Amino acid sequence: MALLFIISGFSKLTAAAGTKAYFAKIGVPVPDIAYIVAVAVELGVGILFLVGFKTRIMAVVLAVFTVATAVLGHGEMAQQTQFLKNLAIAGGFLGFAMLGGGAYSVDGQMARSGRGRVSV
């Protein structure tokens, strides 16, 4: 799931002008700020989620971001499949928010070594 966001964030990072123009075209408020937020969330939070650092928090951020992009970018009837796809992805992230990243995540390794908080 993380790779969807990392690849998309990298694409936005390398095509800033086109991304901002697209955001403006579809009516995203303040496209310049939306661009920065999108890159930070997709690339930054995507990488943190991938390695399992603060997995539950990163999963919630990605879930909220995914629902927001569903509403802003896929709200038209012609985009119904993309809208539902985004909701399904958000649901997957909420599962990670509930269960955490597992034993091999950074969170799991920190808990095992006693440096992190063990959560139930």
PDB file of N, CA and C in Angstrom:
ATOM      1  N   MET A   1       0.828  -1.191   0.000  1.00  0.00           N
ATOM      2  CA  MET A   1       0.000   0.000   0.000  1.00  0.00           C
ATOM      3  C   MET A   1       0.870   1.251   0.000  1.00  0.00           C
ATOM      4  N   ALA A   2       1.968   1.202   0.723  1.00  0.00           N
ATOM      5  CA  ALA A   2       2.836   2.374   0.811  1.00  0.00           C
ATOM      6  C   ALA A   2       3.406   2.760  -0.547  1.00  0.00           C
ATOM      7  N   LEU A   3       3.721   1.766  -1.374  1.00  0.00           N
ATOM      8  CA  LEU A   3       4.326   2.074  -2.674  1.00  0.00           C
ATOM      9  C   LEU A   3       3.406   2.895  -3.570  1.00  0.00           C
ATOM     10  N   LEU A   4       2.096   2.718  -3.445  1.00  0.00           N
ATOM     11  CA  LEU A   4       1.161   3.547  -4.206  1.00  0.00           C
ATOM     12  C   LEU A   4       1.427   5.025  -3.951  1.00  0.00           C
ATOM     13  N   PHE A   5       1.673   5.352  -2.699  1.00  0.00           N
ATOM     14  CA  PHE A   5       1.857   6.745  -2.296  1.00  0.00           C
ATOM     15  C   PHE A   5       3.269   7.231  -2.568  1.00  0.00           C
ATOM     16  N   ILE A   6       4.260   6.384  -2.331  1.00  0.00           N
ATOM     17  CA  ILE A   6       5.650   6.780  -2.563  1.00  0.00           C
ATOM     18  C   ILE A   6       5.874   7.078  -4.049  1.00  0.00           C
ATOM     19  N   ILE A   7       5.404   6.215  -4.917  1.00  0.00           N
ATOM     20  CA  ILE A   7       5.559   6.434  -6.361  1.00  0.00           C
ATOM     21  C   ILE A   7       4.807   7.687  -6.801  1.00  0.00           C
ATOM     22  N   SER A   8       3.591   7.858  -6.308  1.00  0.00           N
ATOM     23  CA  SER A   8       2.803   9.041  -6.656  1.00  0.00           C
ATOM     24  C   SER A   8       3.460  10.320  -6.132  1.00  0.00           C
ATOM     25  N   GLY A   9       3.972  10.279  -4.912  1.00  0.00           N
ATOM     26  CA  GLY A   9       4.647  11.446  -4.338  1.00  0.00           C
ATOM     27  C   GLY A   9       5.900  11.816  -5.102  1.00  0.00           C
ATOM     28  N   PHE A  10       6.672  10.803  -5.512  1.00  0.00           N
ATOM     29  CA  PHE A  10       7.872  11.066  -6.295  1.00  0.00           C
ATOM     30  C   PHE A  10       7.515  11.668  -7.651  1.00  0.00           C
ATOM     31  N   SER A  11       6.444  11.156  -8.258  1.00  0.00           N
ATOM     32  CA  SER A  11       5.988  11.708  -9.537  1.00  0.00           C
ATOM     33  C   SER A  11       5.596  13.168  -9.394  1.00  0.00           C
ATOM     34  N   LYS A  12       4.898  13.485  -8.307  1.00  0.00           N
ATOM     35  CA  LYS A  12       4.517  14.883  -8.066  1.00  0.00           C
ATOM     36  C   LYS A  12       5.753  15.747  -7.830  1.00  0.00           C
ATOM     37  N   LEU A  13       6.716  15.220  -7.091  1.00  0.00           N
ATOM     38  CA  LEU A  13       7.938  15.959  -6.779  1.00  0.00           C
ATOM     39  C   LEU A  13       8.701  16.325  -8.045  1.00  0.00           C
ATOM     40  N   THR A  14       8.722  15.417  -9.014  1.00  0.00           N
ATOM     41  CA  THR A  14       9.482  15.648 -10.244  1.00  0.00           C
ATOM     42  C   THR A  14       8.679  16.376 -11.323  1.00  0.00           C
ATOM     43  N   ALA A  15       7.410  16.649 -11.047  1.00  0.00           N
ATOM     44  CA  ALA A  15       6.567  17.362 -12.021  1.00  0.00           C
ATOM     45  C   ALA A  15       5.712  18.398 -11.304  1.00  0.00           C
ATOM     46  N   ALA A  16       6.380  19.299 -10.597  1.00  0.00           N
ATOM     47  CA  ALA A  16       5.675  20.276  -9.761  1.00  0.00           C
ATOM     48  C   ALA A  16       4.698  21.138 -10.556  1.00  0.00           C
ATOM     49  N   ALA A  17       5.152  21.707 -11.662  1.00  0.00           N
ATOM     50  CA  ALA A  17       4.290  22.624 -12.425  1.00  0.00           C
ATOM     51  C   ALA A  17       3.045  21.909 -12.943  1.00  0.00           C
ATOM     52  N   GLY A  18       3.224  20.728 -13.479  1.00  0.00           N
ATOM     53  CA  GLY A  18       2.092  19.969 -14.002  1.00  0.00           C
ATOM     54  C   GLY A  18       1.119  19.561 -12.911  1.00  0.00           C
ATOM     55  N   THR A  19       1.660  19.177 -11.763  1.00  0.00           N
ATOM     56  CA  THR A  19       0.809  18.772 -10.645  1.00  0.00           C
ATOM     57  C   THR A  19      -0.017  19.953 -10.144  1.00  0.00           C
ATOM     58  N   LYS A  20       0.620  21.093  -9.982  1.00  0.00           N
ATOM     59  CA  LYS A  20      -0.092  22.287  -9.508  1.00  0.00           C
ATOM     60  C   LYS A  20      -1.162  22.716 -10.508  1.00  0.00           C
ATOM     61  N   ALA A  21      -0.841  22.627 -11.798  1.00  0.00           N
ATOM     62  CA  ALA A  21      -1.814  22.980 -12.833  1.00  0.00           C
ATOM     63  C   ALA A  21      -3.009  22.027 -12.793  1.00  0.00           C
ATOM     64  N   TYR A  22      -2.745  20.747 -12.600  1.00  0.00           N
ATOM     65  CA  TYR A  22      -3.828  19.765 -12.500  1.00  0.00           C
ATOM     66  C   TYR A  22      -4.695  20.052 -11.277  1.00  0.00           C
ATOM     67  N   PHE A  23      -4.047  20.343 -10.142  1.00  0.00           N
ATOM     68  CA  PHE A  23      -4.804  20.676  -8.928  1.00  0.00           C
ATOM     69  C   PHE A  23      -5.709  21.877  -9.174  1.00  0.00           C
ATOM     70  N   ALA A  24      -5.181  22.907  -9.843  1.00  0.00           N
ATOM     71  CA  ALA A  24      -5.980  24.095 -10.137  1.00  0.00           C
ATOM     72  C   ALA A  24      -7.143  23.741 -11.063  1.00  0.00           C
ATOM     73  N   LYS A  25      -6.885  22.899 -12.049  1.00  0.00           N
ATOM     74  CA  LYS A  25      -7.911  22.503 -13.023  1.00  0.00           C
ATOM     75  C   LYS A  25      -9.085  21.782 -12.370  1.00  0.00           C
ATOM     76  N   ILE A  26      -8.796  20.920 -11.386  1.00  0.00           N
ATOM     77  CA  ILE A  26      -9.886  20.164 -10.755  1.00  0.00           C
ATOM     78  C   ILE A  26     -10.486  20.897  -9.558  1.00  0.00           C
ATOM     79  N   GLY A  27     -10.003  22.108  -9.282  1.00  0.00           N
ATOM     80  CA  GLY A  27     -10.610  22.936  -8.249  1.00  0.00           C
ATOM     81  C   GLY A  27     -10.088  22.737  -6.843  1.00  0.00           C
ATOM     82  N   VAL A  28      -8.882  22.184  -6.717  1.00  0.00           N
ATOM     83  CA  VAL A  28      -8.284  22.030  -5.385  1.00  0.00           C
ATOM     84  C   VAL A  28      -7.943  23.419  -4.863  1.00  0.00           C
ATOM     85  N   PRO A  29      -8.385  23.754  -3.643  1.00  0.00           N
ATOM     86  CA  PRO A  29      -8.082  25.078  -3.097  1.00  0.00           C
ATOM     87  C   PRO A  29      -6.570  25.248  -2.855  1.00  0.00           C
ATOM     88  N   VAL A  30      -6.051  26.403  -3.135  1.00  0.00           N
ATOM     89  CA  VAL A  30      -4.643  26.776  -2.938  1.00  0.00           C
ATOM     90  C   VAL A  30      -3.707  25.682  -3.471  1.00  0.00           C
ATOM     91  N   PRO A  31      -3.624  25.538  -4.783  1.00  0.00           N
ATOM     92  CA  PRO A  31      -2.848  24.452  -5.382  1.00  0.00           C
ATOM     93  C   PRO A  31      -1.384  24.379  -4.946  1.00  0.00           C
ATOM     94  N   ASP A  32      -0.753  25.529  -4.686  1.00  0.00           N
ATOM     95  CA  ASP A  32       0.654  25.513  -4.268  1.00  0.00           C
ATOM     96  C   ASP A  32       0.825  24.839  -2.911  1.00  0.00           C
ATOM     97  N   ILE A  33      -0.057  25.158  -1.985  1.00  0.00           N
ATOM     98  CA  ILE A  33       0.015  24.531  -0.660  1.00  0.00           C
ATOM     99  C   ILE A  33      -0.431  23.074  -0.734  1.00  0.00           C
ATOM    100  N   ALA A  34      -1.461  22.805  -1.530  1.00  0.00           N
ATOM    101  CA  ALA A  34      -1.928  21.424  -1.705  1.00  0.00           C
ATOM    102  C   ALA A  34      -0.818  20.554  -2.278  1.00  0.00           C
ATOM    103  N   TYR A  35      -0.022  21.107  -3.174  1.00  0.00           N
ATOM    104  CA  TYR A  35       1.107  20.378  -3.755  1.00  0.00           C
ATOM    105  C   TYR A  35       2.110  19.979  -2.671  1.00  0.00           C
ATOM    106  N   ILE A  36       2.474  20.920  -1.824  1.00  0.00           N
ATOM    107  CA  ILE A  36       3.436  20.654  -0.750  1.00  0.00           C
ATOM    108  C   ILE A  36       2.893  19.594   0.195  1.00  0.00           C
ATOM    109  N   VAL A  37       1.624  19.719   0.560  1.00  0.00           N
ATOM    110  CA  VAL A  37       0.997  18.736   1.456  1.00  0.00           C
ATOM    111  C   VAL A  37       0.967  17.367   0.791  1.00  0.00           C
ATOM    112  N   ALA A  38       0.588  17.321  -0.473  1.00  0.00           N
ATOM    113  CA  ALA A  38       0.494  16.045  -1.189  1.00  0.00           C
ATOM    114  C   ALA A  38       1.854  15.349  -1.249  1.00  0.00           C
ATOM    115  N   VAL A  39       2.899  16.084  -1.586  1.00  0.00           N
ATOM    116  CA  VAL A  39       4.240  15.487  -1.668  1.00  0.00           C
ATOM    117  C   VAL A  39       4.695  15.031  -0.286  1.00  0.00           C
ATOM    118  N   ALA A  40       4.483  15.857   0.724  1.00  0.00           N
ATOM    119  CA  ALA A  40       4.907  15.490   2.080  1.00  0.00           C
ATOM    120  C   ALA A  40       4.191  14.241   2.568  1.00  0.00           C
ATOM    121  N   VAL A  41       2.888  14.184   2.344  1.00  0.00           N
ATOM    122  CA  VAL A  41       2.122  13.029   2.812  1.00  0.00           C
ATOM    123  C   VAL A  41       2.458  11.799   1.978  1.00  0.00           C
ATOM    124  N   GLU A  42       2.378  11.924   0.668  1.00  0.00           N
ATOM    125  CA  GLU A  42       2.588  10.749  -0.170  1.00  0.00           C
ATOM    126  C   GLU A  42       4.006  10.211  -0.054  1.00  0.00           C
ATOM    127  N   LEU A  43       4.992  11.071  -0.128  1.00  0.00           N
ATOM    128  CA  LEU A  43       6.377  10.623  -0.098  1.00  0.00           C
ATOM    129  C   LEU A  43       6.867  10.412   1.339  1.00  0.00           C
ATOM    130  N   GLY A  44       6.712  11.436   2.167  1.00  0.00           N
ATOM    131  CA  GLY A  44       7.222  11.359   3.533  1.00  0.00           C
ATOM    132  C   GLY A  44       6.491  10.352   4.404  1.00  0.00           C
ATOM    133  N   VAL A  45       5.193  10.527   4.508  1.00  0.00           N
ATOM    134  CA  VAL A  45       4.401   9.621   5.345  1.00  0.00           C
ATOM    135  C   VAL A  45       4.380   8.223   4.722  1.00  0.00           C
ATOM    136  N   GLY A  46       4.375   8.145   3.391  1.00  0.00           N
ATOM    137  CA  GLY A  46       4.429   6.845   2.723  1.00  0.00           C
ATOM    138  C   GLY A  46       5.669   6.055   3.105  1.00  0.00           C
ATOM    139  N   ILE A  47       6.829   6.711   3.133  1.00  0.00           N
ATOM    140  CA  ILE A  47       8.079   6.044   3.522  1.00  0.00           C
ATOM    141  C   ILE A  47       8.039   5.643   4.995  1.00  0.00           C
ATOM    142  N   LEU A  48       7.559   6.535   5.855  1.00  0.00           N
ATOM    143  CA  LEU A  48       7.475   6.203   7.286  1.00  0.00           C
ATOM    144  C   LEU A  48       6.542   5.014   7.512  1.00  0.00           C
ATOM    145  N   PHE A  49       5.435   4.969   6.778  1.00  0.00           N
ATOM    146  CA  PHE A  49       4.516   3.834   6.883  1.00  0.00           C
ATOM    147  C   PHE A  49       5.185   2.556   6.383  1.00  0.00           C
ATOM    148  N   LEU A  50       5.914   2.653   5.286  1.00  0.00           N
ATOM    149  CA  LEU A  50       6.576   1.487   4.707  1.00  0.00           C
ATOM    150  C   LEU A  50       7.537   0.828   5.697  1.00  0.00           C
ATOM    151  N   VAL A  51       8.322   1.636   6.387  1.00  0.00           N
ATOM    152  CA  VAL A  51       9.295   1.064   7.331  1.00  0.00           C
ATOM    153  C   VAL A  51       8.666   0.732   8.678  1.00  0.00           C
ATOM    154  N   GLY A  52       7.448   1.184   8.887  1.00  0.00           N
ATOM    155  CA  GLY A  52       6.754   0.855  10.123  1.00  0.00           C
ATOM    156  C   GLY A  52       7.100   1.755  11.290  1.00  0.00           C
ATOM    157  N   PHE A  53       7.360   3.029  11.020  1.00  0.00           N
ATOM    158  CA  PHE A  53       7.624   3.998  12.086  1.00  0.00           C
ATOM    159  C   PHE A  53       6.337   4.722  12.434  1.00  0.00           C
ATOM    160  N   LYS A  54       5.913   4.590  13.689  1.00  0.00           N
ATOM    161  CA  LYS A  54       4.643   5.183  14.134  1.00  0.00           C
ATOM    162  C   LYS A  54       3.518   4.751  13.193  1.00  0.00           C
ATOM    163  N   THR A  55       3.480   3.462  12.939  1.00  0.00           N
ATOM    164  CA  THR A  55       2.586   2.886  11.935  1.00  0.00           C
ATOM    165  C   THR A  55       1.142   3.322  12.107  1.00  0.00           C
ATOM    166  N   ARG A  56       0.649   3.272  13.313  1.00  0.00           N
ATOM    167  CA  ARG A  56      -0.762   3.596  13.542  1.00  0.00           C
ATOM    168  C   ARG A  56      -1.072   5.040  13.167  1.00  0.00           C
ATOM    169  N   ILE A  57      -0.191   5.952  13.553  1.00  0.00           N
ATOM    170  CA  ILE A  57      -0.395   7.374  13.241  1.00  0.00           C
ATOM    171  C   ILE A  57      -0.288   7.601  11.737  1.00  0.00           C
ATOM    172  N   MET A  58       0.753   7.017  11.116  1.00  0.00           N
ATOM    173  CA  MET A  58       0.939   7.188   9.671  1.00  0.00           C
ATOM    174  C   MET A  58      -0.245   6.603   8.900  1.00  0.00           C
ATOM    175  N   ALA A  59      -0.792   5.491   9.385  1.00  0.00           N
ATOM    176  CA  ALA A  59      -1.945   4.875   8.728  1.00  0.00           C
ATOM    177  C   ALA A  59      -3.162   5.786   8.795  1.00  0.00           C
ATOM    178  N   VAL A  60      -3.373   6.427   9.931  1.00  0.00           N
ATOM    179  CA  VAL A  60      -4.508   7.351  10.053  1.00  0.00           C
ATOM    180  C   VAL A  60      -4.312   8.545   9.121  1.00  0.00           C
ATOM    181  N   VAL A  61      -3.102   9.088   9.074  1.00  0.00           N
ATOM    182  CA  VAL A  61      -2.821  10.218   8.177  1.00  0.00           C
ATOM    183  C   VAL A  61      -3.101   9.818   6.731  1.00  0.00           C
ATOM    184  N   LEU A  62      -2.622   8.653   6.328  1.00  0.00           N
ATOM    185  CA  LEU A  62      -2.841   8.206   4.955  1.00  0.00           C
ATOM    186  C   LEU A  62      -4.313   7.910   4.679  1.00  0.00           C
ATOM    187  N   ALA A  63      -5.030   7.393   5.664  1.00  0.00           N
ATOM    188  CA  ALA A  63      -6.467   7.137   5.488  1.00  0.00           C
ATOM    189  C   ALA A  63      -7.218   8.447   5.274  1.00  0.00           C
ATOM    190  N   VAL A  64      -6.952   9.426   6.111  1.00  0.00           N
ATOM    191  CA  VAL A  64      -7.620  10.737   5.985  1.00  0.00           C
ATOM    192  C   VAL A  64      -7.258  11.382   4.652  1.00  0.00           C
ATOM    193  N   PHE A  65      -5.984  11.344   4.298  1.00  0.00           N
ATOM    194  CA  PHE A  65      -5.526  11.905   3.023  1.00  0.00           C
ATOM    195  C   PHE A  65      -6.227  11.223   1.849  1.00  0.00           C
ATOM    196  N   THR A  66      -6.361   9.904   1.920  1.00  0.00           N
ATOM    197  CA  THR A  66      -6.974   9.149   0.830  1.00  0.00           C
ATOM    198  C   THR A  66      -8.457   9.483   0.676  1.00  0.00           C
ATOM    199  N   VAL A  67      -9.159   9.642   1.785  1.00  0.00           N
ATOM    200  CA  VAL A  67     -10.571  10.033   1.707  1.00  0.00           C
ATOM    201  C   VAL A  67     -10.682  11.456   1.139  1.00  0.00           C
ATOM    202  N   ALA A  68      -9.793  12.349   1.588  1.00  0.00           N
ATOM    203  CA  ALA A  68      -9.816  13.722   1.072  1.00  0.00           C
ATOM    204  C   ALA A  68      -9.567  13.747  -0.436  1.00  0.00           C
ATOM    205  N   THR A  69      -8.613  12.946  -0.906  1.00  0.00           N
ATOM    206  CA  THR A  69      -8.353  12.926  -2.343  1.00  0.00           C
ATOM    207  C   THR A  69      -9.503  12.276  -3.106  1.00  0.00           C
ATOM    208  N   ALA A  70     -10.184  11.345  -2.471  1.00  0.00           N
ATOM    209  CA  ALA A  70     -11.363  10.748  -3.114  1.00  0.00           C
ATOM    210  C   ALA A  70     -12.427  11.812  -3.337  1.00  0.00           C
ATOM    211  N   VAL A  71     -12.653  12.621  -2.329  1.00  0.00           N
ATOM    212  CA  VAL A  71     -13.687  13.656  -2.417  1.00  0.00           C
ATOM    213  C   VAL A  71     -13.269  14.769  -3.380  1.00  0.00           C
ATOM    214  N   LEU A  72     -12.018  15.229  -3.270  1.00  0.00           N
ATOM    215  CA  LEU A  72     -11.561  16.340  -4.117  1.00  0.00           C
ATOM    216  C   LEU A  72     -11.306  15.925  -5.565  1.00  0.00           C
ATOM    217  N   GLY A  73     -10.755  14.737  -5.765  1.00  0.00           N
ATOM    218  CA  GLY A  73     -10.321  14.374  -7.096  1.00  0.00           C
ATOM    219  C   GLY A  73     -11.187  13.373  -7.828  1.00  0.00           C
ATOM    220  N   HIS A  74     -12.057  12.673  -7.099  1.00  0.00           N
ATOM    221  CA  HIS A  74     -12.831  11.611  -7.737  1.00  0.00           C
ATOM    222  C   HIS A  74     -14.312  11.683  -7.385  1.00  0.00           C
ATOM    223  N   GLY A  75     -14.817  12.872  -7.118  1.00  0.00           N
ATOM    224  CA  GLY A  75     -16.195  13.025  -6.687  1.00  0.00           C
ATOM    225  C   GLY A  75     -17.241  12.946  -7.787  1.00  0.00           C
ATOM    226  N   GLU A  76     -16.827  13.023  -9.043  1.00  0.00           N
ATOM    227  CA  GLU A  76     -17.779  12.975 -10.158  1.00  0.00           C
ATOM    228  C   GLU A  76     -18.212  11.534 -10.429  1.00  0.00           C
ATOM    229  N   MET A  77     -19.377  11.353 -11.014  1.00  0.00           N
ATOM    230  CA  MET A  77     -19.881  10.012 -11.320  1.00  0.00           C
ATOM    231  C   MET A  77     -18.926   9.251 -12.236  1.00  0.00           C
ATOM    232  N   ALA A  78     -18.281   9.938 -13.165  1.00  0.00           N
ATOM    233  CA  ALA A  78     -17.352   9.268 -14.070  1.00  0.00           C
ATOM    234  C   ALA A  78     -16.146   8.696 -13.332  1.00  0.00           C
ATOM    235  N   GLN A  79     -15.903   9.190 -12.144  1.00  0.00           N
ATOM    236  CA  GLN A  79     -14.764   8.762 -11.336  1.00  0.00           C
ATOM    237  C   GLN A  79     -15.182   7.824 -10.197  1.00  0.00           C
ATOM    238  N   GLN A  80     -16.360   7.242 -10.289  1.00  0.00           N
ATOM    239  CA  GLN A  80     -16.907   6.439  -9.194  1.00  0.00           C
ATOM    240  C   GLN A  80     -15.993   5.283  -8.797  1.00  0.00           C
ATOM    241  N   THR A  81     -15.403   4.588  -9.764  1.00  0.00           N
ATOM    242  CA  THR A  81     -14.513   3.470  -9.452  1.00  0.00           C
ATOM    243  C   THR A  81     -13.290   3.954  -8.680  1.00  0.00           C
ATOM    244  N   GLN A  82     -12.713   5.084  -9.108  1.00  0.00           N
ATOM    245  CA  GLN A  82     -11.549   5.634  -8.410  1.00  0.00           C
ATOM    246  C   GLN A  82     -11.924   6.080  -6.998  1.00  0.00           C
ATOM    247  N   PHE A  83     -13.106   6.649  -6.854  1.00  0.00           N
ATOM    248  CA  PHE A  83     -13.600   7.069  -5.539  1.00  0.00           C
ATOM    249  C   PHE A  83     -13.706   5.863  -4.610  1.00  0.00           C
ATOM    250  N   LEU A  84     -14.324   4.792  -5.093  1.00  0.00           N
ATOM    251  CA  LEU A  84     -14.488   3.585  -4.272  1.00  0.00           C
ATOM    252  C   LEU A  84     -13.149   2.930  -3.978  1.00  0.00           C
ATOM    253  N   LYS A  85     -12.218   2.972  -4.934  1.00  0.00           N
ATOM    254  CA  LYS A  85     -10.870   2.449  -4.711  1.00  0.00           C
ATOM    255  C   LYS A  85     -10.207   3.195  -3.563  1.00  0.00           C
ATOM    256  N   ASN A  86     -10.339   4.512  -3.558  1.00  0.00           N
ATOM    257  CA  ASN A  86      -9.744   5.303  -2.484  1.00  0.00           C
ATOM    258  C   ASN A  86     -10.362   4.960  -1.129  1.00  0.00           C
ATOM    259  N   LEU A  87     -11.665   4.750  -1.100  1.00  0.00           N
ATOM    260  CA  LEU A  87     -12.304   4.372   0.164  1.00  0.00           C
ATOM    261  C   LEU A  87     -11.815   3.009   0.639  1.00  0.00           C
ATOM    262  N   ALA A  88     -11.610   2.076  -0.289  1.00  0.00           N
ATOM    263  CA  ALA A  88     -11.095   0.756   0.080  1.00  0.00           C
ATOM    264  C   ALA A  88      -9.677   0.855   0.633  1.00  0.00           C
ATOM    265  N   ILE A  89      -8.847   1.676   0.013  1.00  0.00           N
ATOM    266  CA  ILE A  89      -7.484   1.872   0.505  1.00  0.00           C
ATOM    267  C   ILE A  89      -7.517   2.497   1.893  1.00  0.00           C
ATOM    268  N   ALA A  90      -8.379   3.486   2.093  1.00  0.00           N
ATOM    269  CA  ALA A  90      -8.510   4.112   3.416  1.00  0.00           C
ATOM    270  C   ALA A  90      -8.905   3.071   4.454  1.00  0.00           C
ATOM    271  N   GLY A  91      -9.811   2.170   4.096  1.00  0.00           N
ATOM    272  CA  GLY A  91     -10.203   1.095   5.008  1.00  0.00           C
ATOM    273  C   GLY A  91      -9.026   0.207   5.368  1.00  0.00           C
ATOM    274  N   GLY A  92      -8.182  -0.096   4.394  1.00  0.00           N
ATOM    275  CA  GLY A  92      -6.972  -0.884   4.672  1.00  0.00           C
ATOM    276  C   GLY A  92      -6.047  -0.169   5.643  1.00  0.00           C
ATOM    277  N   PHE A  93      -5.885   1.129   5.462  1.00  0.00           N
ATOM    278  CA  PHE A  93      -5.044   1.894   6.385  1.00  0.00           C
ATOM    279  C   PHE A  93      -5.637   1.911   7.790  1.00  0.00           C
ATOM    280  N   LEU A  94      -6.951   1.967   7.902  1.00  0.00           N
ATOM    281  CA  LEU A  94      -7.571   1.933   9.230  1.00  0.00           C
ATOM    282  C   LEU A  94      -7.322   0.585   9.911  1.00  0.00           C
ATOM    283  N   GLY A  95      -7.219  -0.486   9.123  1.00  0.00           N
ATOM    284  CA  GLY A  95      -6.843  -1.783   9.684  1.00  0.00           C
ATOM    285  C   GLY A  95      -5.448  -1.737  10.279  1.00  0.00           C
ATOM    286  N   PHE A  96      -4.507  -1.112   9.568  1.00  0.00           N
ATOM    287  CA  PHE A  96      -3.162  -0.943  10.112  1.00  0.00           C
ATOM    288  C   PHE A  96      -3.172  -0.048  11.344  1.00  0.00           C
ATOM    289  N   ALA A  97      -4.035   0.964  11.340  1.00  0.00           N
ATOM    290  CA  ALA A  97      -4.137   1.845  12.506  1.00  0.00           C
ATOM    291  C   ALA A  97      -4.590   1.063  13.733  1.00  0.00           C
ATOM    292  N   MET A  98      -5.439   0.079  13.525  1.00  0.00           N
ATOM    293  CA  MET A  98      -5.923  -0.740  14.641  1.00  0.00           C
ATOM    294  C   MET A  98      -4.886  -1.779  15.079  1.00  0.00           C
ATOM    295  N   LEU A  99      -4.205  -2.404  14.130  1.00  0.00           N
ATOM    296  CA  LEU A  99      -3.337  -3.544  14.434  1.00  0.00           C
ATOM    297  C   LEU A  99      -1.856  -3.209  14.557  1.00  0.00           C
ATOM    298  N   GLY A 100      -1.429  -2.083  14.004  1.00  0.00           N
ATOM    299  CA  GLY A 100      -0.014  -1.734  14.055  1.00  0.00           C
ATOM    300  C   GLY A 100       0.754  -2.360  12.906  1.00  0.00           C
ATOM    301  N   GLY A 101       2.069  -2.193  12.939  1.00  0.00           N
ATOM    302  CA  GLY A 101       2.916  -2.616  11.830  1.00  0.00           C
ATOM    303  C   GLY A 101       3.482  -4.012  11.926  1.00  0.00           C
ATOM    304  N   GLY A 102       3.381  -4.652  13.056  1.00  0.00           N
ATOM    305  CA  GLY A 102       3.893  -6.012  13.188  1.00  0.00           C
ATOM    306  C   GLY A 102       5.303  -6.074  13.731  1.00  0.00           C
ATOM    307  N   ALA A 103       5.769  -7.287  13.915  1.00  0.00           N
ATOM    308  CA  ALA A 103       7.051  -7.545  14.588  1.00  0.00           C
ATOM    309  C   ALA A 103       8.249  -7.001  13.822  1.00  0.00           C
ATOM    310  N   TYR A 104       8.190  -6.957  12.495  1.00  0.00           N
ATOM    311  CA  TYR A 104       9.346  -6.542  11.705  1.00  0.00           C
ATOM    312  C   TYR A 104       9.369  -5.050  11.396  1.00  0.00           C
ATOM    313  N   SER A 105       8.383  -4.318  11.848  1.00  0.00           N
ATOM    314  CA  SER A 105       8.364  -2.872  11.632  1.00  0.00           C
ATOM    315  C   SER A 105       9.334  -2.204  12.606  1.00  0.00           C
ATOM    316  N   VAL A 106       9.644  -0.935  12.356  1.00  0.00           N
ATOM    317  CA  VAL A 106      10.470  -0.171  13.301  1.00  0.00           C
ATOM    318  C   VAL A 106       9.794  -0.163  14.667  1.00  0.00           C
ATOM    319  N   ASP A 107       8.478   0.040  14.695  1.00  0.00           N
ATOM    320  CA  ASP A 107       7.741   0.022  15.961  1.00  0.00           C
ATOM    321  C   ASP A 107       7.920  -1.307  16.671  1.00  0.00           C
ATOM    322  N   GLY A 108       7.805  -2.411  15.935  1.00  0.00           N
ATOM    323  CA  GLY A 108       7.944  -3.739  16.523  1.00  0.00           C
ATOM    324  C   GLY A 108       9.339  -3.986  17.058  1.00  0.00           C
ATOM    325  N   GLN A 109      10.340  -3.545  16.339  1.00  0.00           N
ATOM    326  CA  GLN A 109      11.724  -3.711  16.786  1.00  0.00           C
ATOM    327  C   GLN A 109      12.011  -2.866  18.027  1.00  0.00           C
ATOM    328  N   MET A 110      11.468  -1.668  18.067  1.00  0.00           N
ATOM    329  CA  MET A 110      11.665  -0.810  19.242  1.00  0.00           C
ATOM    330  C   MET A 110      10.982  -1.409  20.461  1.00  0.00           C
ATOM    331  N   ALA A 111       9.812  -1.964  20.278  1.00  0.00           N
ATOM    332  CA  ALA A 111       9.102  -2.592  21.394  1.00  0.00           C
ATOM    333  C   ALA A 111       9.874  -3.802  21.893  1.00  0.00           C
ATOM    334  N   ARG A 112      10.422  -4.573  20.970  1.00  0.00           N
ATOM    335  CA  ARG A 112      11.177  -5.766  21.338  1.00  0.00           C
ATOM    336  C   ARG A 112      12.426  -5.401  22.130  1.00  0.00           C
ATOM    337  N   SER A 113      13.091  -4.321  21.750  1.00  0.00           N
ATOM    338  CA  SER A 113      14.345  -3.926  22.415  1.00  0.00           C
ATOM    339  C   SER A 113      14.091  -3.134  23.697  1.00  0.00           C
ATOM    340  N   GLY A 114      12.820  -2.824  23.976  1.00  0.00           N
ATOM    341  CA  GLY A 114      12.496  -2.079  25.186  1.00  0.00           C
ATOM    342  C   GLY A 114      12.549  -0.586  25.030  1.00  0.00           C
ATOM    343  N   ARG A 115      12.843  -0.090  23.819  1.00  0.00           N
ATOM    344  CA  ARG A 115      12.912   1.364  23.603  1.00  0.00           C
ATOM    345  C   ARG A 115      11.565   1.967  23.265  1.00  0.00           C
ATOM    346  N   GLY A 116      10.644   1.156  22.901  1.00  0.00           N
ATOM    347  CA  GLY A 116       9.332   1.668  22.525  1.00  0.00           C
ATOM    348  C   GLY A 116       8.274   1.170  23.470  1.00  0.00           C
ATOM    349  N   ARG A 117       7.120   1.724  23.351  1.00  0.00           N
ATOM    350  CA  ARG A 117       5.984   1.350  24.177  1.00  0.00           C
ATOM    351  C   ARG A 117       5.288   0.162  23.524  1.00  0.00           C
ATOM    352  N   VAL A 118       5.008  -0.848  24.276  1.00  0.00           N
ATOM    353  CA  VAL A 118       4.270  -1.989  23.753  1.00  0.00           C
ATOM    354  C   VAL A 118       2.797  -1.680  23.866  1.00  0.00           C
ATOM    355  N   SER A 119       2.079  -1.794  22.759  1.00  0.00           N
ATOM    356  CA  SER A 119       0.654  -1.511  22.797  1.00  0.00           C
ATOM    357  C   SER A 119      -0.119  -2.771  22.485  1.00  0.00           C
ATOM    358  N   VAL A 120      -1.331  -2.835  22.995  1.00  0.00           N
ATOM    359  CA  VAL A 120      -2.154  -4.011  22.825  1.00  0.00           C
ATOM    360  C   VAL A 120      -3.051  -3.858  21.631  1.00  0.00           C
TER     361      VAL A 120
END
